Amino acid sequence: MVTKEQILSVLESTKLPCVHITPESDRTPGPTDSKFGGDYYLPAGGEVSELEFLAQINFAQVPRLKGFPERGLLQFFLCTEGKKFESFYEDGFAWKQDAGFFQVRWYPEVLEDGPARPDEVPETRWAMDKVTGGMGLEAAAEVATLAFGSEEDIVLDLGFESMMEPIMALFLEASEDGEGYDLSDCSGVDDLTWDFGNWGFKLGGHPSLRYDDLRLEDAAYAAYSVLLFQFDLTPLAQDCEADTICFFIKPEDLEACRFDDILMVHHNCY
């Protein structure tokens, strides 16, 4: 059977830098700190968002990540109101900002101790697990994501499809004996998906997929080739059916710090 070390060796060339984010619920961050939920930075005269505050990233606090800003504040808002959130499962799982499901705000300059907007969203509007508190930020690197498609074939994320052949060859040539991933068994598939799913909260790197990468299925989405931010409850829930939300951006927009054209993909089950 194929081992984790063998797969890592084949996928070595697919490594991408990222910053892993660990929620720190026991730490109370300041108004301009990187944080999940709660109060958020809102400069004087700024417009209050009608959506729920998900997270904000202060890039001055982030380990240097190639292609990403070195300073400035990026905020993510999401509509988690019950009926609206349920329509996530009816409208195709991918949206642009003008659909009204989410909002991304960018502040290139931020006061060190700027004003905060109190969190006034009723708990009843949160139709998913809520994360609050500070962020632990750590530089890392990830190999390409492996998932199982609807046809029970292995799927890799956008830009790394060429690795399908060597990965499949690895499994076809493997002995049925020994320790490793047995893809004829559901638990073996689950283990592979867990180990190579790239789950978690992060900036950059490879996205979690579960089934397929929707950007491979729709040419209009293929230009959004960079994972800007991933909000993923999977590690906290220890459950691959937890909510995962990926925000993708075009590389040229990221380089120019333009955050008005983002693609959001949501998935939460196999």
Protein backbone atom coordinates (compact mmCIF):
# COMPACT_ATOMS: atom_id res chain seq x y z
CA MET A 1 0.00 0.00 0.00
CA VAL A 2 1.04 3.60 -0.51
CA THR A 3 2.47 5.43 2.48
CA LYS A 4 2.27 9.07 3.47
CA GLU A 5 6.01 9.49 2.94
CA GLN A 6 5.76 8.21 -0.66
CA ILE A 7 2.99 10.70 -1.48
CA LEU A 8 4.91 13.56 0.12
CA SER A 9 7.94 12.68 -1.99
CA VAL A 10 5.91 12.73 -5.23
CA LEU A 11 4.21 16.03 -4.31
CA GLU A 12 7.37 17.80 -3.13
CA SER A 13 7.38 20.10 -6.18
CA THR A 14 3.83 21.30 -5.43
CA LYS A 15 4.73 23.01 -2.14
CA LEU A 16 3.26 26.47 -1.64
CA PRO A 17 4.05 28.89 1.20
CA CYS A 18 1.24 29.78 3.56
CA VAL A 19 0.54 31.09 7.03
CA HIS A 20 -1.33 28.74 9.34
CA ILE A 21 -3.71 30.46 11.74
CA THR A 22 -4.57 29.06 15.17
CA PRO A 23 -7.59 30.54 17.01
CA GLU A 24 -6.65 31.82 20.47
CA SER A 25 -9.99 32.10 22.22
CA ASP A 26 -8.35 32.87 25.58
CA ARG A 27 -6.65 36.04 24.26
CA THR A 28 -8.49 39.35 23.83
CA PRO A 29 -7.03 41.14 20.79
CA GLY A 30 -7.04 44.89 20.24
CA PRO A 31 -9.29 46.60 17.66
CA THR A 32 -6.65 46.48 14.91
CA ASP A 33 -5.13 43.09 15.75
CA SER A 34 -5.58 39.97 13.65
CA LYS A 35 -8.66 38.33 15.16
CA PHE A 36 -11.79 36.24 14.76
CA GLY A 37 -15.25 37.66 15.49
CA GLY A 38 -16.22 40.16 18.16
CA ASP A 39 -15.53 43.88 17.75
CA TYR A 40 -13.89 44.95 14.50
CA TYR A 41 -11.90 47.94 13.28
CA LEU A 42 -14.07 50.70 11.79
CA PRO A 43 -12.53 54.11 11.13
CA ALA A 44 -14.44 57.30 11.90
CA GLY A 45 -17.17 57.78 9.32
CA GLY A 46 -16.90 54.18 8.12
CA GLU A 47 -20.00 52.28 7.08
CA VAL A 48 -21.24 49.61 9.47
CA SER A 49 -21.52 46.23 7.73
CA GLU A 50 -24.90 44.53 7.70
CA LEU A 51 -23.17 41.15 7.65
CA GLU A 52 -21.56 39.18 10.46
CA PHE A 53 -17.90 39.90 11.17
CA LEU A 54 -15.88 36.77 10.46
CA ALA A 55 -12.22 37.77 10.79
CA GLN A 56 -9.62 40.45 10.14
CA ILE A 57 -5.96 40.15 9.23
CA ASN A 58 -3.41 42.82 10.16
CA PHE A 59 -0.59 42.08 7.72
CA ALA A 60 1.94 43.95 9.85
CA GLN A 61 1.54 41.00 12.28
CA VAL A 62 1.73 38.26 9.63
CA PRO A 63 4.98 36.39 8.82
CA ARG A 64 6.16 37.55 5.39
CA LEU A 65 4.19 35.71 2.72
CA LYS A 66 5.23 36.10 -0.91
CA GLY A 67 2.68 38.00 -2.98
CA PHE A 68 0.68 39.18 0.02
CA PRO A 69 0.69 42.72 1.50
CA GLU A 70 3.28 43.58 4.13
CA ARG A 71 0.91 45.90 5.96
CA GLY A 72 -2.74 46.96 5.94
CA LEU A 73 -5.90 45.41 7.37
CA LEU A 74 -8.15 42.95 5.53
CA GLN A 75 -11.62 42.14 6.89
CA PHE A 76 -14.08 39.39 6.02
CA PHE A 77 -17.83 39.54 6.66
CA LEU A 78 -20.29 36.72 6.02
CA CYS A 79 -24.06 36.42 6.00
CA THR A 80 -24.85 33.53 8.35
CA GLU A 81 -28.53 34.35 8.88
CA GLY A 82 -30.46 31.09 8.81
CA LYS A 83 -32.49 31.25 5.59
CA LYS A 84 -29.74 33.00 3.66
CA PHE A 85 -27.15 30.52 4.88
CA GLU A 86 -29.33 27.59 3.85
CA SER A 87 -29.35 28.92 0.30
CA PHE A 88 -25.58 28.25 0.20
CA TYR A 89 -26.58 24.66 -0.49
CA GLU A 90 -28.96 25.61 -3.28
CA ASP A 91 -27.08 28.17 -5.36
CA GLY A 92 -23.98 26.27 -6.45
CA PHE A 93 -21.53 26.73 -3.57
CA ALA A 94 -19.54 29.56 -5.23
CA TRP A 95 -20.27 33.30 -5.30
CA LYS A 96 -18.82 36.67 -6.16
CA GLN A 97 -19.13 39.65 -3.81
CA ASP A 98 -22.12 41.18 -5.57
CA ALA A 99 -24.26 38.16 -4.58
CA GLY A 100 -24.57 39.60 -1.06
CA PHE A 101 -23.31 36.52 0.80
CA PHE A 102 -20.04 38.08 1.91
CA GLN A 103 -18.01 41.27 1.98
CA VAL A 104 -14.25 41.93 1.98
CA ARG A 105 -12.88 45.27 3.19
CA TRP A 106 -9.35 46.60 2.82
CA TYR A 107 -7.67 49.37 4.80
CA PRO A 108 -4.14 50.08 3.50
CA GLU A 109 -3.37 52.37 6.44
CA VAL A 110 -4.51 51.61 9.99
CA LEU A 111 -4.04 53.50 13.24
CA GLU A 112 -2.13 51.43 15.78
CA ASP A 113 -4.99 51.70 18.26
CA GLY A 114 -7.86 52.58 15.95
CA PRO A 115 -11.57 52.64 16.81
CA ALA A 116 -13.56 49.44 17.16
CA ARG A 117 -17.13 48.69 16.16
CA PRO A 118 -18.97 46.67 18.84
CA ASP A 119 -20.27 43.28 17.79
CA GLU A 120 -24.05 43.78 17.74
CA VAL A 121 -25.12 40.82 15.62
CA PRO A 122 -27.64 38.61 17.46
CA GLU A 123 -26.39 35.10 18.21
CA THR A 124 -29.52 33.77 16.48
CA ARG A 125 -28.08 34.94 13.16
CA TRP A 126 -25.09 32.62 13.41
CA ALA A 127 -26.08 29.48 11.52
CA MET A 128 -22.62 27.94 11.95
CA ASP A 129 -20.05 27.58 14.71
CA LYS A 130 -18.67 30.92 15.82
CA VAL A 131 -14.96 31.57 16.36
CA THR A 132 -13.76 34.52 18.46
CA GLY A 133 -10.46 35.70 19.91
CA GLY A 134 -6.92 36.28 18.72
CA MET A 135 -4.84 34.54 16.07
CA GLY A 136 -1.61 32.61 16.30
CA LEU A 137 0.22 33.06 12.98
CA GLU A 138 2.92 30.64 11.78
CA ALA A 139 4.74 30.40 8.45
CA ALA A 140 4.40 26.99 6.77
CA ALA A 141 4.38 25.22 3.40
CA GLU A 142 1.89 22.72 1.97
CA VAL A 143 1.88 20.15 -0.81
CA ALA A 144 -1.09 19.96 -3.19
CA THR A 145 -4.47 18.93 -1.84
CA LEU A 146 -5.78 15.43 -2.53
CA ALA A 147 -9.51 14.79 -2.54
CA PHE A 148 -11.89 12.24 -4.00
CA GLY A 149 -14.13 13.43 -6.84
CA SER A 150 -17.70 12.46 -7.59
CA GLU A 151 -16.40 9.69 -9.87
CA GLU A 152 -14.28 8.32 -6.99
CA ASP A 153 -11.11 9.53 -8.71
CA ILE A 154 -8.36 11.42 -6.92
CA VAL A 155 -8.61 15.18 -7.49
CA LEU A 156 -5.89 17.82 -7.05
CA ASP A 157 -6.45 21.56 -6.79
CA LEU A 158 -6.24 24.06 -9.65
CA GLY A 159 -2.81 24.34 -11.25
CA PHE A 160 -1.58 20.96 -10.06
CA GLU A 161 -3.66 18.61 -12.20
CA SER A 162 -0.51 17.33 -13.91
CA MET A 163 0.41 15.54 -10.70
CA MET A 164 -2.57 13.23 -11.12
CA GLU A 165 -0.57 10.84 -13.32
CA PRO A 166 2.35 10.21 -10.92
CA ILE A 167 -0.03 9.92 -7.95
CA MET A 168 -2.22 7.37 -9.73
CA ALA A 169 0.88 5.48 -10.87
CA LEU A 170 2.00 5.32 -7.26
CA PHE A 171 -1.23 3.62 -6.24
CA LEU A 172 -1.35 1.31 -9.26
CA GLU A 173 2.18 0.07 -8.67
CA ALA A 174 1.84 -0.33 -4.91
CA SER A 175 1.73 -3.71 -3.25
CA GLU A 176 -1.45 -4.70 -1.44
CA ASP A 177 0.64 -5.66 1.56
CA GLY A 178 2.10 -3.50 4.31
CA GLU A 179 0.93 -0.34 6.01
CA GLY A 180 -0.48 2.65 4.16
CA TYR A 181 -3.64 3.91 2.49
CA ASP A 182 -6.05 1.21 1.33
CA LEU A 183 -8.33 2.99 -1.14
CA SER A 184 -10.62 -0.02 -1.38
CA ASP A 185 -11.65 0.68 2.20
CA CYS A 186 -13.64 3.74 3.33
CA SER A 187 -11.40 4.29 6.35
CA GLY A 188 -8.34 4.32 4.08
CA VAL A 189 -9.93 6.98 1.87
CA ASP A 190 -10.84 9.00 4.97
CA ASP A 191 -7.27 8.79 6.27
CA LEU A 192 -5.83 9.96 2.94
CA THR A 193 -8.28 12.85 2.73
CA TRP A 194 -7.58 13.89 6.29
CA ASP A 195 -3.79 13.78 5.85
CA PHE A 196 -3.73 15.59 2.49
CA GLY A 197 -6.82 17.80 2.80
CA ASN A 198 -4.91 20.94 3.87
CA TRP A 199 -7.58 21.73 6.44
CA GLY A 200 -7.54 24.71 8.79
CA PHE A 201 -7.52 28.49 9.00
CA LYS A 202 -4.82 30.04 6.84
CA LEU A 203 -3.56 32.57 4.32
CA GLY A 204 -2.21 31.27 1.01
CA GLY A 205 -1.27 27.66 0.36
CA HIS A 206 -3.62 25.02 -1.07
CA PRO A 207 -7.39 24.99 -0.45
CA SER A 208 -9.35 22.19 1.14
CA LEU A 209 -11.58 20.56 -1.48
CA ARG A 210 -13.54 17.56 -0.15
CA TYR A 211 -14.96 16.60 -3.58
CA ASP A 212 -13.87 18.73 -6.51
CA ASP A 213 -12.24 22.08 -7.12
CA LEU A 214 -15.07 24.17 -8.61
CA ARG A 215 -12.47 26.36 -10.32
CA LEU A 216 -11.62 23.38 -12.54
CA GLU A 217 -15.26 23.00 -13.58
CA ASP A 218 -16.02 26.60 -14.54
CA ALA A 219 -13.68 28.59 -16.79
CA ALA A 220 -14.96 31.83 -15.26
CA TYR A 221 -13.52 30.77 -11.90
CA ALA A 222 -10.12 29.56 -13.13
CA ALA A 223 -8.57 33.04 -12.96
CA TYR A 224 -8.99 33.04 -9.16
CA SER A 225 -5.87 30.98 -8.67
CA VAL A 226 -4.68 32.24 -5.28
CA LEU A 227 -6.16 31.19 -1.95
CA LEU A 228 -6.46 34.49 -0.11
CA PHE A 229 -7.98 33.22 3.14
CA GLN A 230 -9.47 29.95 4.34
CA PHE A 231 -11.93 29.85 7.24
CA ASP A 232 -12.19 26.18 8.11
CA LEU A 233 -13.90 24.68 11.16
CA THR A 234 -12.78 21.14 10.31
CA PRO A 235 -9.79 20.89 12.73
CA LEU A 236 -11.78 22.42 15.61
CA ALA A 237 -14.69 20.05 15.09
CA GLN A 238 -12.43 17.09 14.21
CA ASP A 239 -15.07 16.42 11.58
CA CYS A 240 -14.73 16.56 7.80
CA GLU A 241 -18.36 17.67 7.54
CA ALA A 242 -17.68 21.01 9.26
CA ASP A 243 -17.96 24.27 7.32
CA THR A 244 -15.06 25.33 5.12
CA ILE A 245 -15.07 28.69 3.35
CA CYS A 246 -12.36 29.58 0.84
CA PHE A 247 -11.81 33.10 -0.48
CA PHE A 248 -9.94 33.14 -3.80
CA ILE A 249 -8.38 36.09 -5.64
CA LYS A 250 -6.68 36.73 -8.98
CA PRO A 251 -2.89 37.03 -8.56
CA GLU A 252 -2.75 40.40 -10.32
CA ASP A 253 -5.42 41.78 -7.97
CA LEU A 254 -3.54 40.53 -4.91
CA GLU A 255 -0.33 42.12 -6.14
CA ALA A 256 -2.16 45.44 -6.61
CA CYS A 257 -4.01 45.11 -3.27
CA ARG A 258 -7.38 45.17 -5.04
CA PHE A 259 -9.90 43.22 -2.97
CA ASP A 260 -13.16 44.07 -4.74
CA ASP A 261 -13.25 40.94 -6.93
CA ILE A 262 -13.16 37.86 -4.74
CA LEU A 263 -14.57 34.36 -5.29
CA MET A 264 -15.98 32.59 -2.24
CA VAL A 265 -16.45 28.80 -2.22
CA HIS A 266 -18.29 27.06 0.61
CA HIS A 267 -18.46 23.34 1.34
CA ASN A 268 -19.21 21.27 4.40
CA CYS A 269 -19.86 17.63 3.55
CA TYR A 270 -18.66 14.70 1.48
